[in-house]
Amino acid sequence: MGGERARVGGEHAVTFAAGAVAGAISRTATAPLDRLKVVQQVGGDAVSLSCLTREGGLPALFRGNSANVIKAVPEVGVKFLAFDAMSSLQDIGGGGGTPLSIRAKLLSGAMAGVASCLAVYPLEVVKTRMALGHTHYTSIAECVRHIVQVEGVVALSQGLGASLVGIVPFCALDLALYSSSKEYIAQRTGAEPSSVALLCCGGLSSAIAQAATYPLALIRTRLQAGGMHGHPRFGSMAECAVATMAQGGGVRALYRGLLPNMLKAVPSLSITYVIFENVKRGLGS
């Protein structure tokens, strides 16, 4: 019994570590597009990366990335760990030895999204505030102190409801589609998918999940920015959605920033999956 627990614990540690490494590398690689997406989501003037560089050169493209990386390490690690743990539990409950159904994978993905969101949410707010850059923060700690002093501790949870509502379908779709497509390739080829195949699986799953849930991501970002200079505070997700559409564009306004988000998120998640699988294999061996 003790040996089995140690083995399972070791597997979980490897999964978390592989996810943490993958999250840090992929988020840094796509940080400029992430900042552009955030600025566009809240209705900022910057419409291109060159607009951002005029604010402060190349470093301006990575503003908020320190918070993003610190957030991504536990977030991605917890996401993969929770997905594997939930999948294992359902596999045992189903008798084991057969691939999980798409319904079971969707449930595992949803639970993984909830766990990863709750684990790091205050850093999500900090990352958004630092990326917008209306107030120059020299560190994450300074940003946290300023938010708490000016708006109270509750401000660190702004947009949490929208995040949970958005992360559940996103992670459910992304992880379930990725897992299914990876299994399909392995069954057809009789071998572990190559890095190129994993890249394609991750790109397809993330693109579908992003397109399906993007309005919720936009609403979350605007709620997180509420209270900053030039950004109104909304009392609910519905109020935020109505105000966003009323500003111009109707329903299309809920997809503002979708292009940079897709250009950032699809390669970011694809890279995340490839790094995760290879690091996990390396650590596992």
C-alpha atoms as a PDB file:
ATOM      1  CA  MET A   1       0.000   0.000   0.000  1.00  0.00           C
ATOM      2  CA  GLY A   2       2.761   2.426   0.971  1.00  0.00           C
ATOM      3  CA  GLY A   3       4.662   1.670  -2.220  1.00  0.00           C
ATOM      4  CA  GLU A   4       1.586   2.270  -4.352  1.00  0.00           C
ATOM      5  CA  ARG A   5       0.913   5.617  -2.676  1.00  0.00           C
ATOM      6  CA  ALA A   6       4.516   6.630  -3.219  1.00  0.00           C
ATOM      7  CA  ARG A   7       4.276   5.689  -6.901  1.00  0.00           C
ATOM      8  CA  VAL A   8       1.052   7.651  -7.393  1.00  0.00           C
ATOM      9  CA  GLY A   9       2.503  10.609  -5.478  1.00  0.00           C
ATOM     10  CA  GLY A  10       5.587  10.511  -7.682  1.00  0.00           C
ATOM     11  CA  GLU A  11       3.471  10.480 -10.828  1.00  0.00           C
ATOM     12  CA  HIS A  12       1.472  13.468  -9.594  1.00  0.00           C
ATOM     13  CA  ALA A  13       4.673  15.361  -8.760  1.00  0.00           C
ATOM     14  CA  VAL A  14       6.013  14.701 -12.274  1.00  0.00           C
ATOM     15  CA  THR A  15       2.725  15.851 -13.829  1.00  0.00           C
ATOM     16  CA  PHE A  16       2.710  19.072 -11.790  1.00  0.00           C
ATOM     17  CA  ALA A  17       6.381  19.821 -12.544  1.00  0.00           C
ATOM     18  CA  ALA A  18       5.947  19.207 -16.270  1.00  0.00           C
ATOM     19  CA  GLY A  19       2.904  21.492 -16.335  1.00  0.00           C
ATOM     20  CA  ALA A  20       4.746  24.217 -14.401  1.00  0.00           C
ATOM     21  CA  VAL A  21       7.706  24.218 -16.814  1.00  0.00           C
ATOM     22  CA  ALA A  22       5.409  24.185 -19.847  1.00  0.00           C
ATOM     23  CA  GLY A  23       3.324  27.073 -18.502  1.00  0.00           C
ATOM     24  CA  ALA A  24       6.312  29.316 -17.777  1.00  0.00           C
ATOM     25  CA  ILE A  25       7.930  28.794 -21.191  1.00  0.00           C
ATOM     26  CA  SER A  26       4.783  29.086 -23.299  1.00  0.00           C
ATOM     27  CA  ARG A  27       3.480  32.221 -21.536  1.00  0.00           C
ATOM     28  CA  THR A  28       6.795  34.034 -21.933  1.00  0.00           C
ATOM     29  CA  ALA A  29       7.016  33.082 -25.610  1.00  0.00           C
ATOM     30  CA  THR A  30       3.637  34.669 -26.330  1.00  0.00           C
ATOM     31  CA  ALA A  31       3.663  37.532 -23.775  1.00  0.00           C
ATOM     32  CA  PRO A  32       3.546  40.418 -26.323  1.00  0.00           C
ATOM     33  CA  LEU A  33       0.374  39.084 -27.938  1.00  0.00           C
ATOM     34  CA  ASP A  34      -1.159  38.475 -24.520  1.00  0.00           C
ATOM     35  CA  ARG A  35      -0.633  42.104 -23.531  1.00  0.00           C
ATOM     36  CA  LEU A  36      -2.067  43.339 -26.843  1.00  0.00           C
ATOM     37  CA  LYS A  37      -5.139  41.167 -26.299  1.00  0.00           C
ATOM     38  CA  VAL A  38      -5.731  42.544 -22.789  1.00  0.00           C
ATOM     39  CA  VAL A  39      -5.417  46.171 -23.956  1.00  0.00           C
ATOM     40  CA  GLN A  40      -7.855  45.590 -26.827  1.00  0.00           C
ATOM     41  CA  GLN A  41     -10.351  43.762 -24.621  1.00  0.00           C
ATOM     42  CA  VAL A  42     -10.781  46.779 -22.345  1.00  0.00           C
ATOM     43  CA  GLY A  43     -11.066  49.179 -25.263  1.00  0.00           C
ATOM     44  CA  GLY A  44      -7.536  50.576 -25.230  1.00  0.00           C
ATOM     45  CA  ASP A  45      -6.060  52.666 -28.031  1.00  0.00           C
ATOM     46  CA  ALA A  46      -3.261  50.228 -28.858  1.00  0.00           C
ATOM     47  CA  VAL A  47      -4.196  48.300 -31.993  1.00  0.00           C
ATOM     48  CA  SER A  48      -0.825  46.769 -32.790  1.00  0.00           C
ATOM     49  CA  LEU A  49       2.421  45.685 -31.185  1.00  0.00           C
ATOM     50  CA  SER A  50       4.136  48.800 -32.579  1.00  0.00           C
ATOM     51  CA  CYS A  51       1.681  50.958 -30.594  1.00  0.00           C
ATOM     52  CA  LEU A  52       2.758  49.172 -27.420  1.00  0.00           C
ATOM     53  CA  THR A  53       6.474  49.554 -28.154  1.00  0.00           C
ATOM     54  CA  ARG A  54       6.022  53.339 -28.445  1.00  0.00           C
ATOM     55  CA  GLU A  55       5.049  53.304 -24.751  1.00  0.00           C
ATOM     56  CA  GLY A  56       8.436  52.040 -23.632  1.00  0.00           C
ATOM     57  CA  GLY A  57      10.259  50.041 -26.268  1.00  0.00           C
ATOM     58  CA  LEU A  58      10.658  46.263 -26.234  1.00  0.00           C
ATOM     59  CA  PRO A  59      10.139  45.917 -22.417  1.00  0.00           C
ATOM     60  CA  ALA A  60       6.622  47.349 -22.861  1.00  0.00           C
ATOM     61  CA  LEU A  61       5.662  44.204 -24.780  1.00  0.00           C
ATOM     62  CA  PHE A  62       6.389  42.107 -21.692  1.00  0.00           C
ATOM     63  CA  ARG A  63       4.724  44.334 -19.092  1.00  0.00           C
ATOM     64  CA  GLY A  64       2.808  42.098 -16.704  1.00  0.00           C
ATOM     65  CA  ASN A  65       4.635  38.960 -17.850  1.00  0.00           C
ATOM     66  CA  SER A  66       6.338  38.452 -14.483  1.00  0.00           C
ATOM     67  CA  ALA A  67       2.909  38.115 -12.877  1.00  0.00           C
ATOM     68  CA  ASN A  68       1.797  35.964 -15.791  1.00  0.00           C
ATOM     69  CA  VAL A  69       4.694  33.516 -15.349  1.00  0.00           C
ATOM     70  CA  ILE A  70       4.343  33.361 -11.562  1.00  0.00           C
ATOM     71  CA  LYS A  71       0.641  32.685 -12.133  1.00  0.00           C
ATOM     72  CA  ALA A  72       1.208  30.162 -14.923  1.00  0.00           C
ATOM     73  CA  VAL A  73       3.580  27.913 -12.947  1.00  0.00           C
ATOM     74  CA  PRO A  74       1.014  26.734 -10.359  1.00  0.00           C
ATOM     75  CA  GLU A  75      -1.971  27.291 -12.670  1.00  0.00           C
ATOM     76  CA  VAL A  76      -0.830  24.994 -15.480  1.00  0.00           C
ATOM     77  CA  GLY A  77       0.703  22.533 -13.035  1.00  0.00           C
ATOM     78  CA  VAL A  78      -2.556  22.274 -11.083  1.00  0.00           C
ATOM     79  CA  LYS A  79      -4.590  22.037 -14.298  1.00  0.00           C
ATOM     80  CA  PHE A  80      -2.726  19.010 -15.635  1.00  0.00           C
ATOM     81  CA  LEU A  81      -2.506  17.432 -12.186  1.00  0.00           C
ATOM     82  CA  ALA A  82      -6.244  17.815 -11.579  1.00  0.00           C
ATOM     83  CA  PHE A  83      -7.095  16.503 -15.055  1.00  0.00           C
ATOM     84  CA  ASP A  84      -4.918  13.425 -14.605  1.00  0.00           C
ATOM     85  CA  ALA A  85      -6.236  12.813 -11.078  1.00  0.00           C
ATOM     86  CA  MET A  86      -9.889  13.165 -12.132  1.00  0.00           C
ATOM     87  CA  SER A  87      -9.319  10.975 -15.188  1.00  0.00           C
ATOM     88  CA  SER A  88      -7.691   8.303 -13.007  1.00  0.00           C
ATOM     89  CA  LEU A  89     -10.574   8.341 -10.535  1.00  0.00           C
ATOM     90  CA  GLN A  90     -13.139   7.950 -13.299  1.00  0.00           C
ATOM     91  CA  ASP A  91     -11.049   5.226 -14.927  1.00  0.00           C
ATOM     92  CA  ILE A  92     -10.975   3.287 -11.643  1.00  0.00           C
ATOM     93  CA  GLY A  93     -14.690   3.883 -11.138  1.00  0.00           C
ATOM     94  CA  GLY A  94     -15.390   2.562 -14.621  1.00  0.00           C
ATOM     95  CA  GLY A  95     -13.382  -0.586 -14.067  1.00  0.00           C
ATOM     96  CA  GLY A  96     -10.181   0.597 -15.714  1.00  0.00           C
ATOM     97  CA  GLY A  97      -8.488  -0.621 -18.857  1.00  0.00           C
ATOM     98  CA  THR A  98     -10.715   1.206 -21.388  1.00  0.00           C
ATOM     99  CA  PRO A  99     -10.428   4.755 -22.747  1.00  0.00           C
ATOM    100  CA  LEU A 100     -12.561   7.341 -20.973  1.00  0.00           C
ATOM    101  CA  SER A 101     -15.714   8.524 -22.698  1.00  0.00           C
ATOM    102  CA  ILE A 102     -15.842  12.073 -24.041  1.00  0.00           C
ATOM    103  CA  ARG A 103     -18.305  12.883 -21.249  1.00  0.00           C
ATOM    104  CA  ALA A 104     -15.819  11.732 -18.607  1.00  0.00           C
ATOM    105  CA  LYS A 105     -13.057  13.759 -20.255  1.00  0.00           C
ATOM    106  CA  LEU A 106     -15.250  16.861 -20.346  1.00  0.00           C
ATOM    107  CA  LEU A 107     -15.970  16.454 -16.622  1.00  0.00           C
ATOM    108  CA  SER A 108     -12.264  15.981 -15.841  1.00  0.00           C
ATOM    109  CA  GLY A 109     -11.395  19.062 -17.892  1.00  0.00           C
ATOM    110  CA  ALA A 110     -14.063  21.152 -16.178  1.00  0.00           C
ATOM    111  CA  MET A 111     -12.832  20.173 -12.705  1.00  0.00           C
ATOM    112  CA  ALA A 112      -9.243  20.876 -13.758  1.00  0.00           C
ATOM    113  CA  GLY A 113     -10.265  24.353 -14.890  1.00  0.00           C
ATOM    114  CA  VAL A 114     -11.993  25.133 -11.597  1.00  0.00           C
ATOM    115  CA  ALA A 115      -8.998  23.914  -9.567  1.00  0.00           C
ATOM    116  CA  SER A 116      -6.444  25.896 -11.580  1.00  0.00           C
ATOM    117  CA  CYS A 117      -8.554  29.071 -11.513  1.00  0.00           C
ATOM    118  CA  LEU A 118      -9.116  29.024  -7.749  1.00  0.00           C
ATOM    119  CA  ALA A 119      -5.435  28.258  -7.099  1.00  0.00           C
ATOM    120  CA  VAL A 120      -4.088  31.486  -8.614  1.00  0.00           C
ATOM    121  CA  TYR A 121      -6.956  33.911  -9.253  1.00  0.00           C
ATOM    122  CA  PRO A 122      -5.582  37.006  -7.428  1.00  0.00           C
ATOM    123  CA  LEU A 123      -2.521  36.825  -9.684  1.00  0.00           C
ATOM    124  CA  GLU A 124      -4.843  36.875 -12.699  1.00  0.00           C
ATOM    125  CA  VAL A 125      -6.159  40.259 -11.546  1.00  0.00           C
ATOM    126  CA  VAL A 126      -2.608  41.498 -10.880  1.00  0.00           C
ATOM    127  CA  LYS A 127      -1.447  40.354 -14.324  1.00  0.00           C
ATOM    128  CA  THR A 128      -4.315  42.237 -15.998  1.00  0.00           C
ATOM    129  CA  ARG A 129      -3.660  45.431 -14.029  1.00  0.00           C
ATOM    130  CA  MET A 130       0.079  45.342 -14.780  1.00  0.00           C
ATOM    131  CA  ALA A 131      -0.518  44.598 -18.473  1.00  0.00           C
ATOM    132  CA  LEU A 132      -2.813  47.617 -18.843  1.00  0.00           C
ATOM    133  CA  GLY A 133      -0.029  49.778 -17.438  1.00  0.00           C
ATOM    134  CA  HIS A 134      -2.093  52.863 -16.526  1.00  0.00           C
ATOM    135  CA  THR A 135      -0.224  52.824 -13.217  1.00  0.00           C
ATOM    136  CA  HIS A 136       3.442  51.841 -13.365  1.00  0.00           C
ATOM    137  CA  TYR A 137       4.178  49.143 -10.824  1.00  0.00           C
ATOM    138  CA  THR A 138       7.766  48.212 -10.044  1.00  0.00           C
ATOM    139  CA  SER A 139       6.792  44.799  -8.706  1.00  0.00           C
ATOM    140  CA  ILE A 140       3.923  42.382  -8.202  1.00  0.00           C
ATOM    141  CA  ALA A 141       3.966  43.132  -4.462  1.00  0.00           C
ATOM    142  CA  GLU A 142       3.546  46.859  -5.131  1.00  0.00           C
ATOM    143  CA  CYS A 143       0.612  46.174  -7.443  1.00  0.00           C
ATOM    144  CA  VAL A 144      -1.077  43.999  -4.805  1.00  0.00           C
ATOM    145  CA  ARG A 145      -0.519  46.632  -2.075  1.00  0.00           C
ATOM    146  CA  HIS A 146      -1.952  49.384  -4.277  1.00  0.00           C
ATOM    147  CA  ILE A 147      -5.060  47.384  -5.173  1.00  0.00           C
ATOM    148  CA  VAL A 148      -5.715  46.437  -1.539  1.00  0.00           C
ATOM    149  CA  GLN A 149      -5.107  49.964  -0.200  1.00  0.00           C
ATOM    150  CA  VAL A 150      -7.241  51.730  -2.820  1.00  0.00           C
ATOM    151  CA  GLU A 151      -9.992  49.192  -3.509  1.00  0.00           C
ATOM    152  CA  GLY A 152      -9.803  46.660  -0.697  1.00  0.00           C
ATOM    153  CA  VAL A 153      -8.965  42.954  -0.637  1.00  0.00           C
ATOM    154  CA  VAL A 154     -12.205  42.124  -2.457  1.00  0.00           C
ATOM    155  CA  ALA A 155     -10.777  43.730  -5.613  1.00  0.00           C
ATOM    156  CA  LEU A 156      -8.394  40.776  -5.953  1.00  0.00           C
ATOM    157  CA  SER A 157     -11.413  38.590  -6.688  1.00  0.00           C
ATOM    158  CA  GLN A 158     -13.039  40.873  -9.288  1.00  0.00           C
ATOM    159  CA  GLY A 159     -14.255  38.819 -12.228  1.00  0.00           C
ATOM    160  CA  LEU A 160     -13.907  35.492 -10.396  1.00  0.00           C
ATOM    161  CA  GLY A 161     -17.464  34.468 -11.252  1.00  0.00           C
ATOM    162  CA  ALA A 162     -16.906  35.244 -14.936  1.00  0.00           C
ATOM    163  CA  SER A 163     -13.600  33.374 -14.832  1.00  0.00           C
ATOM    164  CA  LEU A 164     -15.176  30.259 -13.372  1.00  0.00           C
ATOM    165  CA  VAL A 165     -18.073  30.416 -15.824  1.00  0.00           C
ATOM    166  CA  GLY A 166     -15.596  30.774 -18.680  1.00  0.00           C
ATOM    167  CA  ILE A 167     -12.897  28.367 -17.527  1.00  0.00           C
ATOM    168  CA  VAL A 168     -15.241  25.411 -17.031  1.00  0.00           C
ATOM    169  CA  PRO A 169     -16.352  25.102 -20.687  1.00  0.00           C
ATOM    170  CA  PHE A 170     -12.941  26.191 -21.984  1.00  0.00           C
ATOM    171  CA  CYS A 171     -10.876  23.628 -20.084  1.00  0.00           C
ATOM    172  CA  ALA A 172     -13.536  20.980 -20.588  1.00  0.00           C
ATOM    173  CA  LEU A 173     -13.405  21.416 -24.370  1.00  0.00           C
ATOM    174  CA  ASP A 174      -9.658  22.010 -24.641  1.00  0.00           C
ATOM    175  CA  LEU A 175      -8.464  19.110 -22.482  1.00  0.00           C
ATOM    176  CA  ALA A 176     -11.116  16.666 -23.707  1.00  0.00           C
ATOM    177  CA  LEU A 177     -10.466  17.402 -27.392  1.00  0.00           C
ATOM    178  CA  TYR A 178      -6.689  17.293 -26.914  1.00  0.00           C
ATOM    179  CA  SER A 179      -6.828  14.011 -25.024  1.00  0.00           C
ATOM    180  CA  SER A 180      -9.175  12.434 -27.579  1.00  0.00           C
ATOM    181  CA  SER A 181      -7.177  13.551 -30.613  1.00  0.00           C
ATOM    182  CA  LYS A 182      -3.920  12.343 -29.005  1.00  0.00           C
ATOM    183  CA  GLU A 183      -5.501   8.941 -28.280  1.00  0.00           C
ATOM    184  CA  TYR A 184      -6.841   8.744 -31.839  1.00  0.00           C
ATOM    185  CA  ILE A 185      -3.375   9.311 -33.340  1.00  0.00           C
ATOM    186  CA  ALA A 186      -1.791   6.778 -30.966  1.00  0.00           C
ATOM    187  CA  GLN A 187      -4.402   4.155 -31.925  1.00  0.00           C
ATOM    188  CA  ARG A 188      -3.986   4.774 -35.651  1.00  0.00           C
ATOM    189  CA  THR A 189      -0.176   4.785 -35.628  1.00  0.00           C
ATOM    190  CA  GLY A 190       0.464   2.350 -32.798  1.00  0.00           C
ATOM    191  CA  ALA A 191       3.008   4.729 -31.261  1.00  0.00           C
ATOM    192  CA  GLU A 192       3.212   7.802 -29.056  1.00  0.00           C
ATOM    193  CA  PRO A 193       2.354  10.955 -31.067  1.00  0.00           C
ATOM    194  CA  SER A 194       5.341  12.997 -32.260  1.00  0.00           C
ATOM    195  CA  SER A 195       5.916  16.584 -31.150  1.00  0.00           C
ATOM    196  CA  VAL A 196       4.491  17.819 -34.460  1.00  0.00           C
ATOM    197  CA  ALA A 197       1.361  15.710 -33.954  1.00  0.00           C
ATOM    198  CA  LEU A 198       1.001  16.999 -30.370  1.00  0.00           C
ATOM    199  CA  LEU A 199       1.390  20.550 -31.667  1.00  0.00           C
ATOM    200  CA  CYS A 200      -1.461  19.971 -34.115  1.00  0.00           C
ATOM    201  CA  CYS A 201      -3.661  18.350 -31.447  1.00  0.00           C
ATOM    202  CA  GLY A 202      -3.079  21.265 -29.087  1.00  0.00           C
ATOM    203  CA  GLY A 203      -3.694  23.845 -31.810  1.00  0.00           C
ATOM    204  CA  LEU A 204      -6.981  22.279 -32.877  1.00  0.00           C
ATOM    205  CA  SER A 205      -8.358  21.822 -29.356  1.00  0.00           C
ATOM    206  CA  SER A 206      -7.367  25.303 -28.191  1.00  0.00           C
ATOM    207  CA  ALA A 207      -8.723  27.039 -31.302  1.00  0.00           C
ATOM    208  CA  ILE A 208     -12.151  25.420 -30.886  1.00  0.00           C
ATOM    209  CA  ALA A 209     -12.241  26.105 -27.143  1.00  0.00           C
ATOM    210  CA  GLN A 210     -11.121  29.739 -27.573  1.00  0.00           C
ATOM    211  CA  ALA A 211     -13.687  30.514 -30.248  1.00  0.00           C
ATOM    212  CA  ALA A 212     -16.492  28.939 -28.214  1.00  0.00           C
ATOM    213  CA  THR A 213     -15.788  30.759 -24.937  1.00  0.00           C
ATOM    214  CA  TYR A 214     -14.118  34.061 -25.922  1.00  0.00           C
ATOM    215  CA  PRO A 215     -16.948  36.463 -24.890  1.00  0.00           C
ATOM    216  CA  LEU A 216     -16.677  35.163 -21.328  1.00  0.00           C
ATOM    217  CA  ALA A 217     -12.921  35.822 -21.357  1.00  0.00           C
ATOM    218  CA  LEU A 218     -13.519  39.402 -22.522  1.00  0.00           C
ATOM    219  CA  ILE A 219     -16.115  40.016 -19.811  1.00  0.00           C
ATOM    220  CA  ARG A 220     -13.723  38.600 -17.190  1.00  0.00           C
ATOM    221  CA  THR A 221     -10.954  40.967 -18.288  1.00  0.00           C
ATOM    222  CA  ARG A 222     -13.226  44.018 -18.183  1.00  0.00           C
ATOM    223  CA  LEU A 223     -14.451  43.054 -14.713  1.00  0.00           C
ATOM    224  CA  GLN A 224     -10.842  42.666 -13.536  1.00  0.00           C
ATOM    225  CA  ALA A 225      -9.985  46.139 -14.880  1.00  0.00           C
ATOM    226  CA  GLY A 226     -13.018  47.746 -13.209  1.00  0.00           C
ATOM    227  CA  GLY A 227     -12.016  50.538 -10.857  1.00  0.00           C
ATOM    228  CA  MET A 228      -8.837  51.476 -12.694  1.00  0.00           C
ATOM    229  CA  HIS A 229      -8.579  54.951 -14.219  1.00  0.00           C
ATOM    230  CA  GLY A 230     -10.789  55.113 -17.289  1.00  0.00           C
ATOM    231  CA  HIS A 231     -12.409  51.724 -16.709  1.00  0.00           C
ATOM    232  CA  PRO A 232     -15.919  51.520 -15.192  1.00  0.00           C
ATOM    233  CA  ARG A 233     -16.789  49.036 -12.476  1.00  0.00           C
ATOM    234  CA  PHE A 234     -19.621  46.630 -13.334  1.00  0.00           C
ATOM    235  CA  GLY A 235     -21.941  44.973 -10.854  1.00  0.00           C
ATOM    236  CA  SER A 236     -22.437  41.767 -12.805  1.00  0.00           C
ATOM    237  CA  MET A 237     -21.435  39.833 -15.899  1.00  0.00           C
ATOM    238  CA  ALA A 238     -24.731  40.725 -17.587  1.00  0.00           C
ATOM    239  CA  GLU A 239     -24.243  44.441 -16.933  1.00  0.00           C
ATOM    240  CA  CYS A 240     -20.734  44.244 -18.341  1.00  0.00           C
ATOM    241  CA  ALA A 241     -21.908  42.414 -21.463  1.00  0.00           C
ATOM    242  CA  VAL A 242     -24.725  44.908 -22.136  1.00  0.00           C
ATOM    243  CA  ALA A 243     -22.412  47.914 -21.626  1.00  0.00           C
ATOM    244  CA  THR A 244     -19.769  46.402 -23.904  1.00  0.00           C
ATOM    245  CA  MET A 245     -22.276  45.855 -26.726  1.00  0.00           C
ATOM    246  CA  ALA A 246     -23.769  49.323 -26.202  1.00  0.00           C
ATOM    247  CA  GLN A 247     -20.376  50.963 -26.734  1.00  0.00           C
ATOM    248  CA  GLY A 248     -20.543  49.924 -30.380  1.00  0.00           C
ATOM    249  CA  GLY A 249     -20.514  46.842 -32.509  1.00  0.00           C
ATOM    250  CA  GLY A 250     -23.303  44.939 -30.797  1.00  0.00           C
ATOM    251  CA  VAL A 251     -22.486  41.273 -30.303  1.00  0.00           C
ATOM    252  CA  ARG A 252     -19.268  41.768 -32.296  1.00  0.00           C
ATOM    253  CA  ALA A 253     -17.955  43.903 -29.434  1.00  0.00           C
ATOM    254  CA  LEU A 254     -17.828  40.751 -27.281  1.00  0.00           C
ATOM    255  CA  TYR A 255     -15.172  39.405 -29.672  1.00  0.00           C
ATOM    256  CA  ARG A 256     -12.903  42.468 -29.484  1.00  0.00           C
ATOM    257  CA  GLY A 257      -9.302  41.279 -29.305  1.00  0.00           C
ATOM    258  CA  LEU A 258     -10.166  37.785 -30.596  1.00  0.00           C
ATOM    259  CA  LEU A 259      -7.506  37.842 -33.334  1.00  0.00           C
ATOM    260  CA  PRO A 260      -4.514  38.619 -31.081  1.00  0.00           C
ATOM    261  CA  ASN A 261      -5.967  36.207 -28.548  1.00  0.00           C
ATOM    262  CA  MET A 262      -6.110  33.402 -31.123  1.00  0.00           C
ATOM    263  CA  LEU A 263      -2.632  34.283 -32.398  1.00  0.00           C
ATOM    264  CA  LYS A 264      -1.393  34.111 -28.814  1.00  0.00           C
ATOM    265  CA  ALA A 265      -3.478  31.368 -27.243  1.00  0.00           C
ATOM    266  CA  VAL A 266      -3.361  28.749 -29.987  1.00  0.00           C
ATOM    267  CA  PRO A 267       0.457  28.616 -30.261  1.00  0.00           C
ATOM    268  CA  SER A 268       0.792  29.112 -26.494  1.00  0.00           C
ATOM    269  CA  LEU A 269      -1.397  26.134 -25.648  1.00  0.00           C
ATOM    270  CA  SER A 270       0.129  24.072 -28.448  1.00  0.00           C
ATOM    271  CA  ILE A 271       3.614  24.792 -27.086  1.00  0.00           C
ATOM    272  CA  THR A 272       2.357  24.053 -23.573  1.00  0.00           C
ATOM    273  CA  TYR A 273       1.128  20.598 -24.563  1.00  0.00           C
ATOM    274  CA  VAL A 274       4.322  19.714 -26.454  1.00  0.00           C
ATOM    275  CA  ILE A 275       6.597  20.840 -23.612  1.00  0.00           C
ATOM    276  CA  PHE A 276       4.366  19.163 -21.013  1.00  0.00           C
ATOM    277  CA  GLU A 277       4.378  15.792 -22.779  1.00  0.00           C
ATOM    278  CA  ASN A 278       8.139  15.830 -23.414  1.00  0.00           C
ATOM    279  CA  VAL A 279       9.089  17.032 -19.926  1.00  0.00           C
ATOM    280  CA  LYS A 280       6.731  14.470 -18.388  1.00  0.00           C
ATOM    281  CA  ARG A 281       8.274  11.684 -20.462  1.00  0.00           C
ATOM    282  CA  GLY A 282      11.762  12.855 -19.512  1.00  0.00           C
ATOM    283  CA  LEU A 283      11.007  13.088 -15.796  1.00  0.00           C
ATOM    284  CA  GLY A 284       9.028   9.885 -15.831  1.00  0.00           C
ATOM    285  CA  SER A 285      11.913   7.961 -17.345  1.00  0.00           C
END
